[in-house]
């Protein structure tokens, strides 16, 4: 025989009003780990750009590669920081959200600054092809 069951009383621990937070230790660890990984990736990206202009032959003069591809790679790291912040916000990891938002902001500043520098360099090379730092196209 099925007896009627009364609806459950109000439970403040469940429902849309509940705000759950991630474990603080895991949150801090994830935030710091992601920042460390992103900084290492950015160091590798811009290290490769720097090494493109290094040559141990003193008779050769070399210039660094154009920044455009390296800036695109750094922008990709910025997009990953934004995605990580969104996932952390959904999980309630406040520290990770803040660290990833700071990293995304810093990467955005670096990328837009690099775009301005490279655009200035490209314009200078168009105006005076023999200027220092311009590659010969032949």
N, C-alpha and C. Protein backbone atom coordinates (compact mmCIF):
# COMPACT_ATOMS: atom_id res chain seq x y z
N UNK A 1 0.83 -1.15 0.00
CA UNK A 1 0.00 0.00 0.00
C UNK A 1 0.90 1.24 0.00
N UNK A 2 0.58 2.21 -0.82
CA UNK A 2 1.34 3.45 -0.93
C UNK A 2 0.70 4.53 -0.08
N UNK A 3 1.43 4.96 0.89
CA UNK A 3 0.96 6.04 1.74
C UNK A 3 1.42 7.37 1.19
N UNK A 4 0.64 8.41 1.34
CA UNK A 4 1.07 9.72 0.85
C UNK A 4 2.27 10.22 1.66
N UNK A 5 3.15 10.87 0.97
CA UNK A 5 4.36 11.40 1.61
C UNK A 5 4.28 12.91 1.58
N UNK A 6 4.55 13.50 2.71
CA UNK A 6 4.51 14.97 2.79
C UNK A 6 5.74 15.54 2.09
N UNK A 7 5.58 16.70 1.50
CA UNK A 7 6.74 17.32 0.87
C UNK A 7 7.80 17.66 1.92
N UNK A 8 9.02 17.66 1.49
CA UNK A 8 10.10 17.93 2.44
C UNK A 8 10.06 19.38 2.89
N UNK A 9 10.51 19.60 4.10
CA UNK A 9 10.55 20.96 4.64
C UNK A 9 11.66 21.75 3.94
N UNK A 10 11.64 23.05 4.12
CA UNK A 10 12.64 23.90 3.48
C UNK A 10 14.04 23.50 3.95
N UNK A 11 14.91 23.29 3.01
CA UNK A 11 16.29 22.91 3.31
C UNK A 11 17.21 23.97 2.71
N UNK A 12 17.88 24.74 3.54
CA UNK A 12 18.72 25.84 3.06
C UNK A 12 20.04 25.36 2.48
N UNK A 13 20.35 24.09 2.63
CA UNK A 13 21.63 23.59 2.13
C UNK A 13 21.57 23.17 0.67
N UNK A 14 20.40 23.18 0.08
CA UNK A 14 20.27 22.80 -1.33
C UNK A 14 19.51 23.88 -2.07
N UNK A 15 19.53 23.78 -3.36
CA UNK A 15 18.74 24.69 -4.18
C UNK A 15 19.57 25.79 -4.81
N UNK A 16 18.89 26.68 -5.53
CA UNK A 16 19.62 27.70 -6.28
C UNK A 16 20.27 28.76 -5.40
N UNK A 17 19.86 28.92 -4.16
CA UNK A 17 20.44 29.92 -3.28
C UNK A 17 21.74 29.47 -2.65
N UNK A 18 22.07 28.22 -2.77
CA UNK A 18 23.27 27.70 -2.14
C UNK A 18 24.51 28.14 -2.91
N UNK A 19 25.49 28.62 -2.18
CA UNK A 19 26.77 28.99 -2.80
C UNK A 19 27.81 28.02 -2.27
N UNK A 20 28.30 27.21 -3.13
CA UNK A 20 29.33 26.28 -2.70
C UNK A 20 30.68 26.78 -3.19
N UNK A 21 31.68 26.56 -2.40
CA UNK A 21 33.02 26.99 -2.75
C UNK A 21 33.92 25.78 -2.81
N UNK A 22 34.91 25.89 -3.66
CA UNK A 22 35.88 24.81 -3.78
C UNK A 22 36.75 24.75 -2.53
N UNK A 23 37.38 23.64 -2.33
CA UNK A 23 38.31 23.47 -1.21
C UNK A 23 39.41 24.52 -1.33
N UNK A 24 39.67 25.30 -0.28
CA UNK A 24 40.64 26.38 -0.38
C UNK A 24 42.05 25.92 -0.77
N UNK A 25 42.48 24.79 -0.25
CA UNK A 25 43.82 24.29 -0.58
C UNK A 25 43.93 23.94 -2.06
N UNK A 26 42.94 23.24 -2.56
CA UNK A 26 42.95 22.88 -3.98
C UNK A 26 42.80 24.12 -4.86
N UNK A 27 42.02 25.08 -4.40
CA UNK A 27 41.82 26.33 -5.15
C UNK A 27 43.13 27.09 -5.27
N UNK A 28 43.83 27.27 -4.17
CA UNK A 28 45.10 27.98 -4.20
C UNK A 28 46.13 27.22 -5.01
N UNK A 29 46.17 25.92 -4.85
CA UNK A 29 47.11 25.10 -5.62
C UNK A 29 46.86 25.18 -7.11
N UNK A 30 45.60 25.11 -7.50
CA UNK A 30 45.26 25.19 -8.92
C UNK A 30 45.58 26.56 -9.48
N UNK A 31 45.26 27.61 -8.72
CA UNK A 31 45.54 28.97 -9.18
C UNK A 31 47.03 29.20 -9.37
N UNK A 32 47.82 28.81 -8.39
CA UNK A 32 49.28 28.99 -8.48
C UNK A 32 49.88 28.11 -9.57
N UNK A 33 49.39 26.89 -9.68
CA UNK A 33 49.91 25.99 -10.71
C UNK A 33 49.63 26.49 -12.11
N UNK A 34 48.42 26.99 -12.33
CA UNK A 34 48.09 27.52 -13.66
C UNK A 34 48.93 28.74 -14.00
N UNK A 35 49.13 29.62 -13.02
CA UNK A 35 49.96 30.81 -13.27
C UNK A 35 51.38 30.39 -13.60
N UNK A 36 51.92 29.42 -12.88
CA UNK A 36 53.28 28.95 -13.14
C UNK A 36 53.40 28.36 -14.54
N UNK A 37 52.44 27.52 -14.92
CA UNK A 37 52.47 26.91 -16.25
C UNK A 37 52.35 27.97 -17.34
N UNK A 38 51.47 28.95 -17.15
CA UNK A 38 51.31 30.00 -18.16
C UNK A 38 52.56 30.85 -18.28
N UNK A 39 53.20 31.15 -17.15
CA UNK A 39 54.44 31.93 -17.21
C UNK A 39 55.55 31.16 -17.91
N UNK A 40 55.63 29.86 -17.67
CA UNK A 40 56.63 29.04 -18.35
C UNK A 40 56.37 29.02 -19.86
N UNK A 41 55.11 28.87 -20.25
CA UNK A 41 54.77 28.86 -21.68
C UNK A 41 55.12 30.20 -22.31
N UNK A 42 54.80 31.31 -21.64
CA UNK A 42 55.13 32.63 -22.17
C UNK A 42 56.64 32.82 -22.25
N UNK A 43 57.37 32.33 -21.27
CA UNK A 43 58.83 32.42 -21.30
C UNK A 43 59.40 31.64 -22.48
N UNK A 44 58.85 30.48 -22.76
CA UNK A 44 59.30 29.69 -23.91
C UNK A 44 58.97 30.41 -25.22
N UNK A 45 57.76 30.96 -25.33
CA UNK A 45 57.35 31.65 -26.55
C UNK A 45 58.27 32.82 -26.85
N UNK A 46 58.45 33.70 -25.87
CA UNK A 46 59.27 34.89 -26.11
C UNK A 46 60.76 34.57 -26.08
N UNK A 47 61.15 33.47 -25.42
CA UNK A 47 62.54 32.99 -25.51
C UNK A 47 62.87 32.53 -26.92
N UNK A 48 61.94 31.84 -27.55
CA UNK A 48 62.16 31.42 -28.95
C UNK A 48 62.25 32.63 -29.87
N UNK A 49 61.44 33.65 -29.60
CA UNK A 49 61.52 34.88 -30.39
C UNK A 49 62.89 35.54 -30.21
N UNK A 50 63.36 35.61 -28.97
CA UNK A 50 64.67 36.20 -28.72
C UNK A 50 65.77 35.40 -29.39
N UNK A 51 65.69 34.08 -29.30
CA UNK A 51 66.72 33.23 -29.90
C UNK A 51 66.71 33.28 -31.42
N UNK A 52 65.60 33.73 -32.02
CA UNK A 52 65.58 33.83 -33.48
C UNK A 52 66.54 34.91 -33.98
N UNK A 53 66.93 35.83 -33.11
CA UNK A 53 67.85 36.89 -33.49
C UNK A 53 69.27 36.66 -33.00
N UNK A 54 69.54 35.49 -32.43
CA UNK A 54 70.87 35.20 -31.91
C UNK A 54 71.62 34.35 -32.91
N UNK A 55 72.84 34.78 -33.22
CA UNK A 55 73.70 34.01 -34.11
C UNK A 55 75.11 34.12 -33.57
N UNK A 56 75.81 33.02 -33.49
CA UNK A 56 77.15 33.02 -32.92
C UNK A 56 78.22 33.34 -33.95
N UNK A 57 77.85 33.51 -35.20
CA UNK A 57 78.80 33.87 -36.25
C UNK A 57 78.93 35.39 -36.29
N UNK A 58 80.09 35.94 -35.93
CA UNK A 58 80.22 37.39 -35.89
C UNK A 58 80.21 38.04 -37.28
N UNK A 59 80.41 37.25 -38.32
CA UNK A 59 80.41 37.81 -39.66
C UNK A 59 79.00 38.02 -40.20
N UNK A 60 78.03 37.35 -39.60
CA UNK A 60 76.65 37.47 -40.05
C UNK A 60 75.89 38.44 -39.17
N UNK A 61 75.05 39.24 -39.79
CA UNK A 61 74.15 40.08 -38.99
C UNK A 61 72.75 39.51 -39.16
N UNK A 62 72.10 39.28 -38.04
CA UNK A 62 70.75 38.70 -38.08
C UNK A 62 69.81 39.62 -37.34
N UNK A 63 68.55 39.54 -37.70
CA UNK A 63 67.51 40.27 -36.99
C UNK A 63 66.51 39.25 -36.45
N UNK A 64 65.78 39.65 -35.45
CA UNK A 64 64.79 38.75 -34.87
C UNK A 64 63.62 38.57 -35.83
N UNK A 65 62.91 37.49 -35.65
CA UNK A 65 61.71 37.23 -36.45
C UNK A 65 60.65 38.28 -36.13
N UNK A 66 59.67 38.34 -37.01
CA UNK A 66 58.51 39.19 -36.75
C UNK A 66 57.77 38.66 -35.53
N UNK A 67 57.22 39.56 -34.77
CA UNK A 67 56.53 39.17 -33.53
C UNK A 67 55.14 38.60 -33.76
N UNK A 68 54.59 38.72 -34.95
CA UNK A 68 53.18 38.38 -35.17
C UNK A 68 52.83 36.95 -34.74
N UNK A 69 53.61 35.96 -35.15
CA UNK A 69 53.29 34.57 -34.79
C UNK A 69 53.45 34.34 -33.29
N UNK A 70 54.45 34.97 -32.69
CA UNK A 70 54.68 34.80 -31.27
C UNK A 70 53.56 35.47 -30.46
N UNK A 71 53.07 36.60 -30.95
CA UNK A 71 51.96 37.27 -30.28
C UNK A 71 50.68 36.45 -30.38
N UNK A 72 50.50 35.77 -31.51
CA UNK A 72 49.33 34.90 -31.66
C UNK A 72 49.40 33.74 -30.65
N UNK A 73 50.59 33.20 -30.45
CA UNK A 73 50.75 32.12 -29.48
C UNK A 73 50.49 32.63 -28.06
N UNK A 74 50.98 33.83 -27.75
CA UNK A 74 50.73 34.41 -26.43
C UNK A 74 49.25 34.70 -26.26
N UNK A 75 48.59 35.14 -27.31
CA UNK A 75 47.14 35.36 -27.25
C UNK A 75 46.39 34.06 -26.98
N UNK A 76 46.89 32.97 -27.53
CA UNK A 76 46.28 31.66 -27.24
C UNK A 76 46.39 31.30 -25.77
N UNK A 77 47.51 31.64 -25.15
CA UNK A 77 47.67 31.41 -23.71
C UNK A 77 46.67 32.28 -22.94
N UNK A 78 46.45 33.50 -23.42
CA UNK A 78 45.46 34.38 -22.79
C UNK A 78 44.05 33.82 -22.88
N UNK A 79 43.73 33.24 -24.02
CA UNK A 79 42.40 32.63 -24.19
C UNK A 79 42.25 31.44 -23.23
N UNK A 80 43.31 30.66 -23.09
CA UNK A 80 43.26 29.55 -22.13
C UNK A 80 43.08 30.05 -20.71
N UNK A 81 43.67 31.20 -20.37
CA UNK A 81 43.48 31.77 -19.03
C UNK A 81 42.03 32.18 -18.82
N UNK A 82 41.40 32.73 -19.84
CA UNK A 82 39.99 33.13 -19.73
C UNK A 82 39.11 31.89 -19.57
N UNK A 83 39.39 30.86 -20.33
CA UNK A 83 38.61 29.62 -20.22
C UNK A 83 38.80 28.99 -18.84
N UNK A 84 40.03 28.99 -18.34
CA UNK A 84 40.28 28.44 -16.99
C UNK A 84 39.56 29.26 -15.93
N UNK A 85 39.49 30.58 -16.11
CA UNK A 85 38.77 31.42 -15.15
C UNK A 85 37.28 31.12 -15.18
N UNK A 86 36.74 30.89 -16.36
CA UNK A 86 35.31 30.56 -16.47
C UNK A 86 34.99 29.22 -15.82
N UNK A 87 35.85 28.25 -16.04
CA UNK A 87 35.64 26.93 -15.43
C UNK A 87 35.78 27.03 -13.91
N UNK A 88 36.75 27.80 -13.45
CA UNK A 88 36.95 27.96 -12.01
C UNK A 88 35.78 28.70 -11.37
N UNK A 89 35.22 29.67 -12.08
CA UNK A 89 34.06 30.39 -11.55
C UNK A 89 32.88 29.45 -11.39
N UNK A 90 32.71 28.57 -12.32
CA UNK A 90 31.62 27.59 -12.24
C UNK A 90 31.82 26.64 -11.07
N UNK A 91 33.09 26.33 -10.77
CA UNK A 91 33.40 25.40 -9.67
C UNK A 91 33.45 26.11 -8.32
N UNK A 92 33.40 27.44 -8.32
CA UNK A 92 33.45 28.18 -7.06
C UNK A 92 34.85 28.38 -6.53
N UNK A 93 35.85 28.31 -7.40
CA UNK A 93 37.25 28.47 -7.00
C UNK A 93 37.64 29.94 -7.17
N UNK A 94 37.45 30.72 -6.12
CA UNK A 94 37.61 32.17 -6.19
C UNK A 94 39.06 32.56 -6.46
N UNK A 95 40.01 31.93 -5.79
CA UNK A 95 41.42 32.28 -5.97
C UNK A 95 41.85 32.01 -7.40
N UNK A 96 41.45 30.90 -7.96
CA UNK A 96 41.81 30.58 -9.33
C UNK A 96 41.18 31.57 -10.30
N UNK A 97 39.96 31.99 -10.04
CA UNK A 97 39.32 32.98 -10.91
C UNK A 97 40.12 34.27 -10.91
N UNK A 98 40.51 34.72 -9.73
CA UNK A 98 41.25 35.99 -9.63
C UNK A 98 42.62 35.88 -10.30
N UNK A 99 43.35 34.80 -10.04
CA UNK A 99 44.68 34.66 -10.64
C UNK A 99 44.59 34.56 -12.16
N UNK A 100 43.60 33.85 -12.67
CA UNK A 100 43.47 33.72 -14.11
C UNK A 100 43.00 35.02 -14.75
N UNK A 101 42.18 35.78 -14.05
CA UNK A 101 41.77 37.09 -14.58
C UNK A 101 42.96 38.04 -14.63
N UNK A 102 43.82 37.99 -13.61
CA UNK A 102 45.03 38.83 -13.62
C UNK A 102 45.95 38.40 -14.76
N UNK A 103 46.14 37.10 -14.93
CA UNK A 103 47.01 36.62 -16.01
C UNK A 103 46.44 37.01 -17.38
N UNK A 104 45.14 36.87 -17.55
CA UNK A 104 44.53 37.24 -18.84
C UNK A 104 44.71 38.73 -19.11
N UNK A 105 44.59 39.55 -18.07
CA UNK A 105 44.78 40.99 -18.24
C UNK A 105 46.23 41.31 -18.61
N UNK A 106 47.17 40.70 -17.91
CA UNK A 106 48.58 40.94 -18.21
C UNK A 106 48.95 40.46 -19.61
N UNK A 107 48.44 39.32 -20.00
CA UNK A 107 48.73 38.81 -21.34
C UNK A 107 48.12 39.72 -22.40
N UNK A 108 46.93 40.22 -22.12
CA UNK A 108 46.28 41.17 -23.04
C UNK A 108 47.14 42.42 -23.21
N UNK A 109 47.67 42.95 -22.12
CA UNK A 109 48.52 44.13 -22.19
C UNK A 109 49.78 43.84 -22.99
N UNK A 110 50.40 42.68 -22.74
CA UNK A 110 51.62 42.30 -23.46
C UNK A 110 51.34 42.14 -24.95
N UNK A 111 50.23 41.48 -25.29
CA UNK A 111 49.91 41.24 -26.70
C UNK A 111 49.62 42.55 -27.42
N UNK A 112 48.80 43.42 -26.82
CA UNK A 112 48.49 44.69 -27.49
C UNK A 112 49.72 45.60 -27.57
N UNK A 113 50.58 45.56 -26.55
CA UNK A 113 51.83 46.31 -26.62
C UNK A 113 52.73 45.77 -27.72
N UNK A 114 52.82 44.45 -27.83
CA UNK A 114 53.62 43.84 -28.89
C UNK A 114 53.08 44.14 -30.27
N UNK A 115 51.76 44.19 -30.40
CA UNK A 115 51.15 44.54 -31.69
C UNK A 115 51.55 45.96 -32.08
N UNK A 116 51.52 46.88 -31.13
CA UNK A 116 51.91 48.26 -31.42
C UNK A 116 53.38 48.34 -31.82
N UNK A 117 54.24 47.64 -31.10
CA UNK A 117 55.67 47.66 -31.41
C UNK A 117 55.93 47.06 -32.79
N UNK A 118 55.30 45.92 -33.09
CA UNK A 118 55.54 45.28 -34.38
C UNK A 118 54.94 46.09 -35.51
N UNK A 119 53.80 46.71 -35.30
CA UNK A 119 53.22 47.56 -36.35
C UNK A 119 54.12 48.76 -36.63
N UNK A 120 54.71 49.33 -35.58
CA UNK A 120 55.65 50.44 -35.75
C UNK A 120 56.88 49.98 -36.52
N UNK A 121 57.40 48.81 -36.16
CA UNK A 121 58.57 48.25 -36.86
C UNK A 121 58.25 47.98 -38.33
N UNK A 122 57.09 47.41 -38.60
CA UNK A 122 56.71 47.13 -39.99
C UNK A 122 56.57 48.42 -40.79
N UNK A 123 55.99 49.44 -40.18
CA UNK A 123 55.84 50.73 -40.87
C UNK A 123 57.20 51.34 -41.15
N UNK A 124 58.11 51.26 -40.18
CA UNK A 124 59.46 51.80 -40.38
C UNK A 124 60.19 51.06 -41.50
N UNK A 125 60.01 49.74 -41.56
CA UNK A 125 60.66 48.96 -42.60
C UNK A 125 60.04 49.23 -43.98
N UNK A 126 58.76 49.59 -44.02
CA UNK A 126 58.15 49.96 -45.30
C UNK A 126 58.66 51.32 -45.77
N UNK A 127 58.83 52.25 -44.81
CA UNK A 127 59.29 53.58 -45.16
C UNK A 127 60.76 53.60 -45.52
N UNK A 128 61.60 52.93 -44.73
CA UNK A 128 63.04 52.89 -44.95
C UNK A 128 63.49 51.43 -44.89
N UNK A 129 63.49 50.73 -46.02
CA UNK A 129 63.82 49.30 -46.00
C UNK A 129 65.22 48.99 -45.48
N UNK A 130 66.13 49.94 -45.54
CA UNK A 130 67.50 49.68 -45.09
C UNK A 130 67.69 50.02 -43.61
N UNK A 131 66.63 50.32 -42.89
CA UNK A 131 66.73 50.68 -41.47
C UNK A 131 67.22 49.48 -40.65
N UNK A 132 67.81 49.79 -39.50
CA UNK A 132 68.30 48.72 -38.64
C UNK A 132 67.14 47.86 -38.16
N UNK A 133 67.34 46.55 -38.19
CA UNK A 133 66.31 45.63 -37.74
C UNK A 133 65.38 45.14 -38.83
N UNK A 134 65.53 45.67 -40.05
CA UNK A 134 64.70 45.24 -41.16
C UNK A 134 65.39 44.12 -41.92
N UNK A 135 64.65 43.10 -42.25
CA UNK A 135 65.22 41.97 -42.99
C UNK A 135 65.19 42.27 -44.47
N UNK A 136 66.22 41.79 -45.14
CA UNK A 136 66.24 41.89 -46.60
C UNK A 136 65.30 40.85 -47.17
N UNK A 137 64.51 41.24 -48.15
CA UNK A 137 63.55 40.31 -48.74
C UNK A 137 64.13 39.51 -49.88
N UNK A 138 65.39 39.75 -50.25
CA UNK A 138 65.99 38.97 -51.35
C UNK A 138 66.83 37.86 -50.87
